[in-house]
Amino acid sequence: MPERSVAGKSIVTRRAVVDIVRTAVQSSYGVTGFADPSLGRRVLRWVGLDRPGIRLSTAGGLNLDLYITVAFGVPVAEVARQVDSAVRYSLRHYIGAEILNLAIHVDGLRYQPTSLERAEAIERTEGADRADAAHEHTQGNGGPDSTTTNAAEGETASRKRKPR
């Protein structure tokens, strides 16, 4: 026979609440990280005494201030709505607490090139290297010190290595 549940009191630490909020914020689309709201907090973080981006107050209910950075090119208002929804849901789901006030401060935009942009940049530099090699092939003096291959034309040429 199952035991009857007894009404009691659950205690959740500030650190647990901050960890739940941090996880919810970091998993939100468009958030690239947390920001430090003041120089004093930056120093405390550098020493290892503070974690950036979340200010929690429990006076009269849960009050949160979040300081985040957002990915460049993503609608900031949509990211803020997503963060608000994720944080409220997580706290309601995990500890059954409602947030009285939630303020989201977007402290900056961060540009992070996508993998496609990185690949295009690599192709541009490789293309420039091939063009330089082709130019040196036509301008070179043909010494026996090194061999280069022009991949675009499939040719091999001998030239002296230039000092850098």
N, C-alpha and C. Protein backbone atom coordinates (compact mmCIF):
# COMPACT_ATOMS: atom_id res chain seq x y z
N MET A 1 0.84 -1.16 0.00
CA MET A 1 0.00 0.00 0.00
C MET A 1 0.90 1.24 0.00
N PRO A 2 0.67 2.18 -0.93
CA PRO A 2 1.52 3.37 -1.00
C PRO A 2 1.31 4.29 0.20
N GLU A 3 2.40 4.93 0.59
CA GLU A 3 2.33 5.85 1.71
C GLU A 3 1.72 7.17 1.27
N ARG A 4 1.01 7.79 2.20
CA ARG A 4 0.43 9.10 1.90
C ARG A 4 1.53 10.14 1.97
N SER A 5 1.44 11.09 1.08
CA SER A 5 2.44 12.15 1.10
C SER A 5 2.12 13.14 2.22
N VAL A 6 3.16 13.62 2.82
CA VAL A 6 3.03 14.56 3.92
C VAL A 6 3.45 15.93 3.43
N ALA A 7 2.62 16.92 3.69
CA ALA A 7 2.97 18.27 3.29
C ALA A 7 4.23 18.71 4.01
N GLY A 8 5.10 19.36 3.29
CA GLY A 8 6.36 19.79 3.89
C GLY A 8 6.87 21.03 3.20
N LYS A 9 8.13 21.27 3.38
CA LYS A 9 8.74 22.46 2.83
C LYS A 9 9.99 22.06 2.07
N SER A 10 10.13 22.58 0.88
CA SER A 10 11.32 22.33 0.07
C SER A 10 12.18 23.58 0.07
N ILE A 11 13.45 23.39 0.19
CA ILE A 11 14.38 24.51 0.16
C ILE A 11 15.25 24.36 -1.07
N VAL A 12 15.29 25.42 -1.87
CA VAL A 12 16.12 25.44 -3.08
C VAL A 12 17.14 26.55 -2.90
N THR A 13 18.39 26.23 -3.13
CA THR A 13 19.45 27.23 -2.93
C THR A 13 19.48 28.22 -4.08
N ARG A 14 20.09 29.36 -3.81
CA ARG A 14 20.26 30.38 -4.85
C ARG A 14 21.08 29.82 -6.00
N ARG A 15 22.08 29.05 -5.66
CA ARG A 15 22.94 28.48 -6.71
C ARG A 15 22.16 27.57 -7.64
N ALA A 16 21.23 26.79 -7.08
CA ALA A 16 20.40 25.90 -7.91
C ALA A 16 19.53 26.73 -8.86
N VAL A 17 18.95 27.81 -8.34
CA VAL A 17 18.12 28.67 -9.19
C VAL A 17 18.97 29.30 -10.29
N VAL A 18 20.15 29.78 -9.94
CA VAL A 18 21.04 30.40 -10.93
C VAL A 18 21.46 29.37 -11.98
N ASP A 19 21.75 28.15 -11.57
CA ASP A 19 22.13 27.11 -12.54
C ASP A 19 20.98 26.78 -13.48
N ILE A 20 19.76 26.72 -12.98
CA ILE A 20 18.60 26.45 -13.83
C ILE A 20 18.42 27.59 -14.83
N VAL A 21 18.53 28.82 -14.35
CA VAL A 21 18.38 29.98 -15.23
C VAL A 21 19.49 30.00 -16.28
N ARG A 22 20.73 29.76 -15.85
CA ARG A 22 21.86 29.77 -16.78
C ARG A 22 21.68 28.73 -17.89
N THR A 23 21.25 27.55 -17.53
CA THR A 23 21.03 26.50 -18.53
C THR A 23 19.92 26.90 -19.50
N ALA A 24 18.85 27.47 -19.00
CA ALA A 24 17.74 27.89 -19.86
C ALA A 24 18.18 28.99 -20.82
N VAL A 25 18.95 29.94 -20.34
CA VAL A 25 19.40 31.05 -21.19
C VAL A 25 20.37 30.55 -22.25
N GLN A 26 21.34 29.74 -21.86
CA GLN A 26 22.34 29.27 -22.80
C GLN A 26 21.75 28.36 -23.88
N SER A 27 20.64 27.71 -23.59
CA SER A 27 20.03 26.84 -24.59
C SER A 27 19.08 27.60 -25.50
N SER A 28 18.91 28.88 -25.28
CA SER A 28 18.02 29.69 -26.12
C SER A 28 18.72 30.08 -27.42
N TYR A 29 17.97 30.06 -28.50
CA TYR A 29 18.51 30.40 -29.81
C TYR A 29 18.91 31.87 -29.86
N GLY A 30 20.09 32.15 -30.36
CA GLY A 30 20.54 33.51 -30.55
C GLY A 30 21.39 34.07 -29.43
N VAL A 31 21.44 33.41 -28.29
CA VAL A 31 22.25 33.89 -27.17
C VAL A 31 23.66 33.37 -27.34
N THR A 32 24.63 34.31 -27.33
CA THR A 32 26.03 33.89 -27.48
C THR A 32 26.79 33.85 -26.17
N GLY A 33 26.20 34.40 -25.12
CA GLY A 33 26.86 34.35 -23.82
C GLY A 33 26.29 35.36 -22.86
N PHE A 34 26.93 35.45 -21.72
CA PHE A 34 26.52 36.40 -20.69
C PHE A 34 27.47 37.58 -20.68
N ALA A 35 26.99 38.69 -20.19
CA ALA A 35 27.80 39.90 -20.10
C ALA A 35 27.96 40.29 -18.63
N ASP A 36 28.97 41.07 -18.35
CA ASP A 36 29.17 41.57 -17.00
C ASP A 36 28.62 42.99 -16.91
N PRO A 37 27.70 43.24 -16.00
CA PRO A 37 27.05 44.54 -15.95
C PRO A 37 27.93 45.67 -15.42
N SER A 38 28.96 45.38 -14.67
CA SER A 38 29.78 46.45 -14.10
C SER A 38 31.23 46.01 -13.98
N LEU A 39 32.10 46.98 -13.81
CA LEU A 39 33.52 46.70 -13.68
C LEU A 39 33.81 45.88 -12.42
N GLY A 40 33.12 46.21 -11.33
CA GLY A 40 33.30 45.46 -10.09
C GLY A 40 32.97 43.98 -10.26
N ARG A 41 31.89 43.70 -10.98
CA ARG A 41 31.51 42.31 -11.24
C ARG A 41 32.55 41.62 -12.13
N ARG A 42 33.11 42.37 -13.08
CA ARG A 42 34.14 41.78 -13.94
C ARG A 42 35.36 41.38 -13.13
N VAL A 43 35.73 42.22 -12.17
CA VAL A 43 36.88 41.90 -11.32
C VAL A 43 36.56 40.67 -10.46
N LEU A 44 35.37 40.63 -9.87
CA LEU A 44 34.97 39.47 -9.07
C LEU A 44 34.96 38.19 -9.92
N ARG A 45 34.50 38.31 -11.15
CA ARG A 45 34.49 37.14 -12.04
C ARG A 45 35.90 36.70 -12.37
N TRP A 46 36.79 37.68 -12.61
CA TRP A 46 38.16 37.36 -12.95
C TRP A 46 38.83 36.63 -11.80
N VAL A 47 38.53 37.02 -10.57
CA VAL A 47 39.08 36.37 -9.38
C VAL A 47 38.42 35.00 -9.15
N GLY A 48 37.21 34.82 -9.69
CA GLY A 48 36.52 33.55 -9.54
C GLY A 48 35.44 33.56 -8.48
N LEU A 49 35.06 34.74 -8.01
CA LEU A 49 34.07 34.84 -6.95
C LEU A 49 32.65 35.09 -7.46
N ASP A 50 32.49 35.37 -8.72
CA ASP A 50 31.16 35.69 -9.25
C ASP A 50 31.01 35.08 -10.63
N ARG A 51 29.78 34.80 -10.98
CA ARG A 51 29.47 34.31 -12.31
C ARG A 51 28.72 35.42 -13.04
N PRO A 52 29.06 35.65 -14.30
CA PRO A 52 28.51 36.82 -14.98
C PRO A 52 27.06 36.64 -15.42
N GLY A 53 26.41 37.78 -15.56
CA GLY A 53 25.15 37.81 -16.27
C GLY A 53 23.86 37.60 -15.53
N ILE A 54 23.87 37.14 -14.29
CA ILE A 54 22.62 36.86 -13.60
C ILE A 54 22.64 37.54 -12.23
N ARG A 55 21.65 38.37 -12.00
CA ARG A 55 21.44 38.96 -10.68
C ARG A 55 20.11 38.44 -10.17
N LEU A 56 20.13 37.82 -9.02
CA LEU A 56 18.94 37.20 -8.44
C LEU A 56 18.62 37.86 -7.11
N SER A 57 17.36 38.24 -6.94
CA SER A 57 16.90 38.80 -5.69
C SER A 57 15.63 38.05 -5.29
N THR A 58 15.51 37.73 -4.01
CA THR A 58 14.34 36.99 -3.54
C THR A 58 13.45 37.83 -2.63
N ALA A 59 13.67 39.13 -2.59
CA ALA A 59 12.87 40.01 -1.74
C ALA A 59 11.46 40.14 -2.34
N GLY A 60 10.48 39.55 -1.69
CA GLY A 60 9.10 39.64 -2.16
C GLY A 60 8.79 38.76 -3.35
N GLY A 61 9.62 37.83 -3.68
CA GLY A 61 9.43 36.96 -4.85
C GLY A 61 10.72 36.90 -5.65
N LEU A 62 10.71 36.11 -6.70
CA LEU A 62 11.91 35.98 -7.53
C LEU A 62 12.02 37.17 -8.48
N ASN A 63 13.11 37.89 -8.39
CA ASN A 63 13.42 39.00 -9.29
C ASN A 63 14.73 38.68 -9.98
N LEU A 64 14.72 38.67 -11.31
CA LEU A 64 15.91 38.34 -12.07
C LEU A 64 16.29 39.47 -13.02
N ASP A 65 17.58 39.75 -13.10
CA ASP A 65 18.15 40.63 -14.12
C ASP A 65 19.15 39.78 -14.89
N LEU A 66 18.97 39.66 -16.20
CA LEU A 66 19.86 38.88 -17.04
C LEU A 66 20.60 39.82 -17.98
N TYR A 67 21.90 39.66 -18.07
CA TYR A 67 22.73 40.45 -18.97
C TYR A 67 23.33 39.48 -19.99
N ILE A 68 22.90 39.62 -21.24
CA ILE A 68 23.31 38.66 -22.27
C ILE A 68 23.89 39.38 -23.48
N THR A 69 24.59 38.62 -24.31
CA THR A 69 24.99 39.08 -25.63
C THR A 69 24.26 38.22 -26.65
N VAL A 70 23.94 38.83 -27.77
CA VAL A 70 23.11 38.18 -28.80
C VAL A 70 23.92 38.07 -30.08
N ALA A 71 23.65 37.04 -30.85
CA ALA A 71 24.32 36.83 -32.13
C ALA A 71 23.92 37.93 -33.10
N PHE A 72 24.90 38.41 -33.85
CA PHE A 72 24.65 39.45 -34.85
C PHE A 72 23.76 38.89 -35.96
N GLY A 73 22.76 39.66 -36.35
CA GLY A 73 21.88 39.24 -37.43
C GLY A 73 20.62 38.54 -36.98
N VAL A 74 20.50 38.28 -35.70
CA VAL A 74 19.31 37.62 -35.15
C VAL A 74 18.42 38.70 -34.54
N PRO A 75 17.11 38.63 -34.74
CA PRO A 75 16.22 39.64 -34.15
C PRO A 75 16.32 39.65 -32.62
N VAL A 76 16.75 40.78 -32.08
CA VAL A 76 17.00 40.90 -30.64
C VAL A 76 15.71 40.69 -29.85
N ALA A 77 14.61 41.26 -30.31
CA ALA A 77 13.34 41.12 -29.59
C ALA A 77 12.90 39.66 -29.54
N GLU A 78 13.11 38.93 -30.61
CA GLU A 78 12.74 37.51 -30.64
C GLU A 78 13.60 36.70 -29.68
N VAL A 79 14.89 37.02 -29.62
CA VAL A 79 15.78 36.33 -28.68
C VAL A 79 15.35 36.61 -27.24
N ALA A 80 14.99 37.86 -26.95
CA ALA A 80 14.55 38.23 -25.60
C ALA A 80 13.26 37.49 -25.24
N ARG A 81 12.33 37.38 -26.18
CA ARG A 81 11.09 36.63 -25.91
C ARG A 81 11.39 35.16 -25.65
N GLN A 82 12.31 34.60 -26.43
CA GLN A 82 12.69 33.19 -26.26
C GLN A 82 13.33 32.97 -24.89
N VAL A 83 14.22 33.86 -24.49
CA VAL A 83 14.88 33.74 -23.19
C VAL A 83 13.86 33.86 -22.07
N ASP A 84 12.97 34.83 -22.16
CA ASP A 84 11.92 35.02 -21.16
C ASP A 84 11.08 33.75 -21.01
N SER A 85 10.65 33.21 -22.12
CA SER A 85 9.82 32.00 -22.09
C SER A 85 10.58 30.81 -21.51
N ALA A 86 11.84 30.63 -21.93
CA ALA A 86 12.64 29.49 -21.47
C ALA A 86 12.91 29.56 -19.97
N VAL A 87 13.23 30.75 -19.47
CA VAL A 87 13.54 30.91 -18.04
C VAL A 87 12.29 30.68 -17.20
N ARG A 88 11.18 31.29 -17.60
CA ARG A 88 9.93 31.11 -16.84
C ARG A 88 9.50 29.65 -16.82
N TYR A 89 9.57 28.99 -17.98
CA TYR A 89 9.18 27.58 -18.05
C TYR A 89 10.08 26.71 -17.17
N SER A 90 11.39 26.92 -17.25
CA SER A 90 12.33 26.08 -16.50
C SER A 90 12.11 26.21 -14.99
N LEU A 91 11.96 27.44 -14.52
CA LEU A 91 11.76 27.62 -13.07
C LEU A 91 10.41 27.05 -12.62
N ARG A 92 9.40 27.21 -13.45
CA ARG A 92 8.08 26.66 -13.10
C ARG A 92 8.14 25.13 -13.10
N HIS A 93 8.84 24.56 -14.08
CA HIS A 93 8.90 23.11 -14.23
C HIS A 93 9.76 22.45 -13.15
N TYR A 94 10.94 23.00 -12.88
CA TYR A 94 11.88 22.34 -11.98
C TYR A 94 11.63 22.62 -10.49
N ILE A 95 11.27 23.85 -10.16
CA ILE A 95 11.11 24.14 -8.73
C ILE A 95 9.73 24.67 -8.39
N GLY A 96 8.89 24.84 -9.36
CA GLY A 96 7.53 25.30 -9.10
C GLY A 96 7.43 26.75 -8.68
N ALA A 97 8.40 27.55 -9.06
CA ALA A 97 8.41 28.97 -8.66
C ALA A 97 8.02 29.85 -9.83
N GLU A 98 7.29 30.91 -9.52
CA GLU A 98 6.94 31.92 -10.51
C GLU A 98 7.87 33.11 -10.34
N ILE A 99 8.19 33.74 -11.44
CA ILE A 99 9.06 34.91 -11.42
C ILE A 99 8.20 36.16 -11.30
N LEU A 100 8.53 37.00 -10.34
CA LEU A 100 7.81 38.25 -10.15
C LEU A 100 8.24 39.27 -11.20
N ASN A 101 9.54 39.49 -11.33
CA ASN A 101 10.09 40.42 -12.32
C ASN A 101 11.26 39.76 -13.04
N LEU A 102 11.28 39.92 -14.36
CA LEU A 102 12.37 39.41 -15.18
C LEU A 102 12.78 40.51 -16.15
N ALA A 103 14.01 41.00 -16.02
CA ALA A 103 14.53 42.02 -16.92
C ALA A 103 15.68 41.42 -17.71
N ILE A 104 15.61 41.56 -19.02
CA ILE A 104 16.66 41.04 -19.89
C ILE A 104 17.37 42.23 -20.51
N HIS A 105 18.67 42.34 -20.22
CA HIS A 105 19.49 43.43 -20.74
C HIS A 105 20.39 42.86 -21.82
N VAL A 106 20.23 43.32 -23.05
CA VAL A 106 21.11 42.90 -24.13
C VAL A 106 22.29 43.84 -24.13
N ASP A 107 23.45 43.31 -23.74
CA ASP A 107 24.63 44.14 -23.53
C ASP A 107 25.49 44.27 -24.78
N GLY A 108 25.21 43.51 -25.80
CA GLY A 108 26.00 43.63 -27.01
C GLY A 108 25.63 42.58 -28.03
N LEU A 109 26.16 42.78 -29.23
CA LEU A 109 25.99 41.82 -30.32
C LEU A 109 27.34 41.18 -30.59
N ARG A 110 27.34 39.91 -30.89
CA ARG A 110 28.58 39.21 -31.17
C ARG A 110 28.48 38.57 -32.54
N TYR A 111 29.47 38.86 -33.37
CA TYR A 111 29.50 38.30 -34.72
C TYR A 111 30.24 36.98 -34.67
N GLN A 112 29.58 35.94 -35.09
CA GLN A 112 30.19 34.61 -35.17
C GLN A 112 29.97 34.08 -36.57
N PRO A 113 31.02 34.03 -37.37
CA PRO A 113 30.84 33.54 -38.74
C PRO A 113 30.37 32.10 -38.74
N THR A 114 29.48 31.80 -39.67
CA THR A 114 28.98 30.43 -39.78
C THR A 114 30.05 29.57 -40.44
N SER A 115 29.85 28.28 -40.41
CA SER A 115 30.82 27.37 -41.01
C SER A 115 30.90 27.59 -42.52
N LEU A 116 29.79 27.97 -43.16
CA LEU A 116 29.79 28.24 -44.59
C LEU A 116 30.64 29.46 -44.89
N GLU A 117 30.52 30.52 -44.08
CA GLU A 117 31.33 31.71 -44.27
C GLU A 117 32.80 31.40 -44.07
N ARG A 118 33.12 30.55 -43.09
CA ARG A 118 34.52 30.17 -42.86
C ARG A 118 35.06 29.40 -44.06
N ALA A 119 34.24 28.49 -44.61
CA ALA A 119 34.67 27.71 -45.77
C ALA A 119 34.91 28.62 -46.97
N GLU A 120 34.03 29.61 -47.16
CA GLU A 120 34.21 30.56 -48.27
C GLU A 120 35.49 31.37 -48.08
N ALA A 121 35.79 31.77 -46.84
CA ALA A 121 37.01 32.53 -46.58
C ALA A 121 38.24 31.67 -46.86
N ILE A 122 38.19 30.41 -46.51
CA ILE A 122 39.32 29.50 -46.78
C ILE A 122 39.50 29.33 -48.27
N GLU A 123 38.40 29.16 -49.01
CA GLU A 123 38.48 29.04 -50.46
C GLU A 123 39.09 30.28 -51.09
N ARG A 124 38.70 31.47 -50.58
CA ARG A 124 39.26 32.71 -51.13
C ARG A 124 40.76 32.78 -50.90
N THR A 125 41.23 32.38 -49.71
CA THR A 125 42.67 32.44 -49.45
C THR A 125 43.42 31.38 -50.26
N GLU A 126 42.81 30.20 -50.41
CA GLU A 126 43.47 29.17 -51.23
C GLU A 126 43.50 29.60 -52.68
N GLY A 127 42.44 30.24 -53.14
CA GLY A 127 42.41 30.74 -54.51
C GLY A 127 43.47 31.82 -54.72
N ALA A 128 43.65 32.68 -53.74
CA ALA A 128 44.68 33.72 -53.83
C ALA A 128 46.06 33.08 -53.82
N ASP A 129 46.25 32.03 -53.03
CA ASP A 129 47.54 31.33 -52.99
C ASP A 129 47.83 30.68 -54.34
N ARG A 130 46.80 30.08 -54.97
CA ARG A 130 46.99 29.47 -56.28
C ARG A 130 47.33 30.52 -57.33
N ALA A 131 46.67 31.67 -57.24
CA ALA A 131 46.96 32.75 -58.18
C ALA A 131 48.39 33.24 -57.99
N ASP A 132 48.83 33.36 -56.75
CA ASP A 132 50.21 33.77 -56.49
C ASP A 132 51.19 32.74 -57.02
N ALA A 133 50.89 31.46 -56.84
CA ALA A 133 51.76 30.40 -57.32
C ALA A 133 51.83 30.43 -58.84
N ALA A 134 50.71 30.66 -59.50
CA ALA A 134 50.70 30.73 -60.96
C ALA A 134 51.50 31.93 -61.44
N HIS A 135 51.37 33.05 -60.73
CA HIS A 135 52.12 34.25 -61.10
C HIS A 135 53.62 34.02 -60.91
N GLU A 136 54.01 33.40 -59.81
CA GLU A 136 55.42 33.11 -59.57
C GLU A 136 55.94 32.10 -60.59
N HIS A 137 55.07 31.19 -61.04
CA HIS A 137 55.47 30.19 -62.03
C HIS A 137 55.85 30.88 -63.34
N THR A 138 55.07 31.86 -63.74
CA THR A 138 55.37 32.55 -64.99
C THR A 138 56.51 33.54 -64.82
N GLN A 139 56.74 34.06 -63.61
CA GLN A 139 57.77 35.05 -63.35
C GLN A 139 59.06 34.43 -62.80
N GLY A 140 59.02 33.17 -62.34
CA GLY A 140 60.14 32.56 -61.64
C GLY A 140 61.36 32.36 -62.52
N ASN A 141 62.53 32.06 -61.87
CA ASN A 141 63.76 31.88 -62.62
C ASN A 141 64.12 30.41 -62.78
N GLY A 142 63.28 29.49 -62.32
CA GLY A 142 63.44 28.08 -62.62
C GLY A 142 64.57 27.38 -61.92
N GLY A 143 64.98 27.80 -60.74
CA GLY A 143 66.04 27.15 -59.99
C GLY A 143 65.59 25.82 -59.42
N PRO A 144 66.51 24.95 -59.01
CA PRO A 144 66.18 23.60 -58.55
C PRO A 144 65.85 23.49 -57.07
N ASP A 145 65.68 24.59 -56.31
CA ASP A 145 65.52 24.51 -54.86
C ASP A 145 64.17 23.96 -54.42
N SER A 146 63.08 24.23 -55.09
CA SER A 146 61.78 23.73 -54.64
C SER A 146 60.86 23.51 -55.83
N THR A 147 59.79 22.77 -55.56
CA THR A 147 58.82 22.46 -56.59
C THR A 147 57.45 22.92 -56.12
N THR A 148 56.68 23.58 -56.98
CA THR A 148 55.31 23.97 -56.66
C THR A 148 54.38 23.40 -57.69
N THR A 149 53.14 23.20 -57.28
CA THR A 149 52.13 22.67 -58.19
C THR A 149 51.01 23.68 -58.31
N ASN A 150 50.63 23.99 -59.53
CA ASN A 150 49.48 24.85 -59.78
C ASN A 150 48.30 23.91 -59.96
N ALA A 151 47.47 23.78 -58.92
CA ALA A 151 46.37 22.81 -58.94
C ALA A 151 45.35 23.11 -60.01
N ALA A 152 45.15 24.37 -60.35
CA ALA A 152 44.14 24.72 -61.35
C ALA A 152 44.55 24.23 -62.72
N GLU A 153 45.86 24.24 -63.05
CA GLU A 153 46.32 23.84 -64.37
C GLU A 153 46.98 22.46 -64.38
N GLY A 154 47.27 21.92 -63.20
CA GLY A 154 47.88 20.60 -63.11
C GLY A 154 49.34 20.62 -63.50
N GLU A 155 50.02 21.75 -63.47
CA GLU A 155 51.41 21.85 -63.87
C GLU A 155 52.33 21.80 -62.66
N THR A 156 53.55 21.39 -62.87
CA THR A 156 54.57 21.43 -61.85
C THR A 156 55.71 22.30 -62.36
N ALA A 157 56.20 23.19 -61.51
CA ALA A 157 57.27 24.10 -61.92
C ALA A 157 58.35 24.12 -60.86
N SER A 158 59.59 24.33 -61.29
CA SER A 158 60.71 24.47 -60.36
C SER A 158 61.04 25.94 -60.22
N ARG A 159 61.37 26.34 -59.00
CA ARG A 159 61.76 27.73 -58.77
C ARG A 159 62.58 27.78 -57.49
N LYS A 160 63.32 28.88 -57.34
CA LYS A 160 64.09 29.08 -56.11
C LYS A 160 63.17 29.55 -55.02
N ARG A 161 63.45 29.11 -53.82
CA ARG A 161 62.68 29.55 -52.65
C ARG A 161 63.12 30.95 -52.30
N LYS A 162 62.14 31.85 -52.15
CA LYS A 162 62.42 33.23 -51.79
C LYS A 162 62.52 33.36 -50.28
N PRO A 163 63.50 34.14 -49.77
CA PRO A 163 63.58 34.35 -48.33
C PRO A 163 62.40 35.19 -47.85
N ARG A 164 61.92 34.89 -46.67
CA ARG A 164 60.76 35.62 -46.13
C ARG A 164 61.18 36.52 -45.04
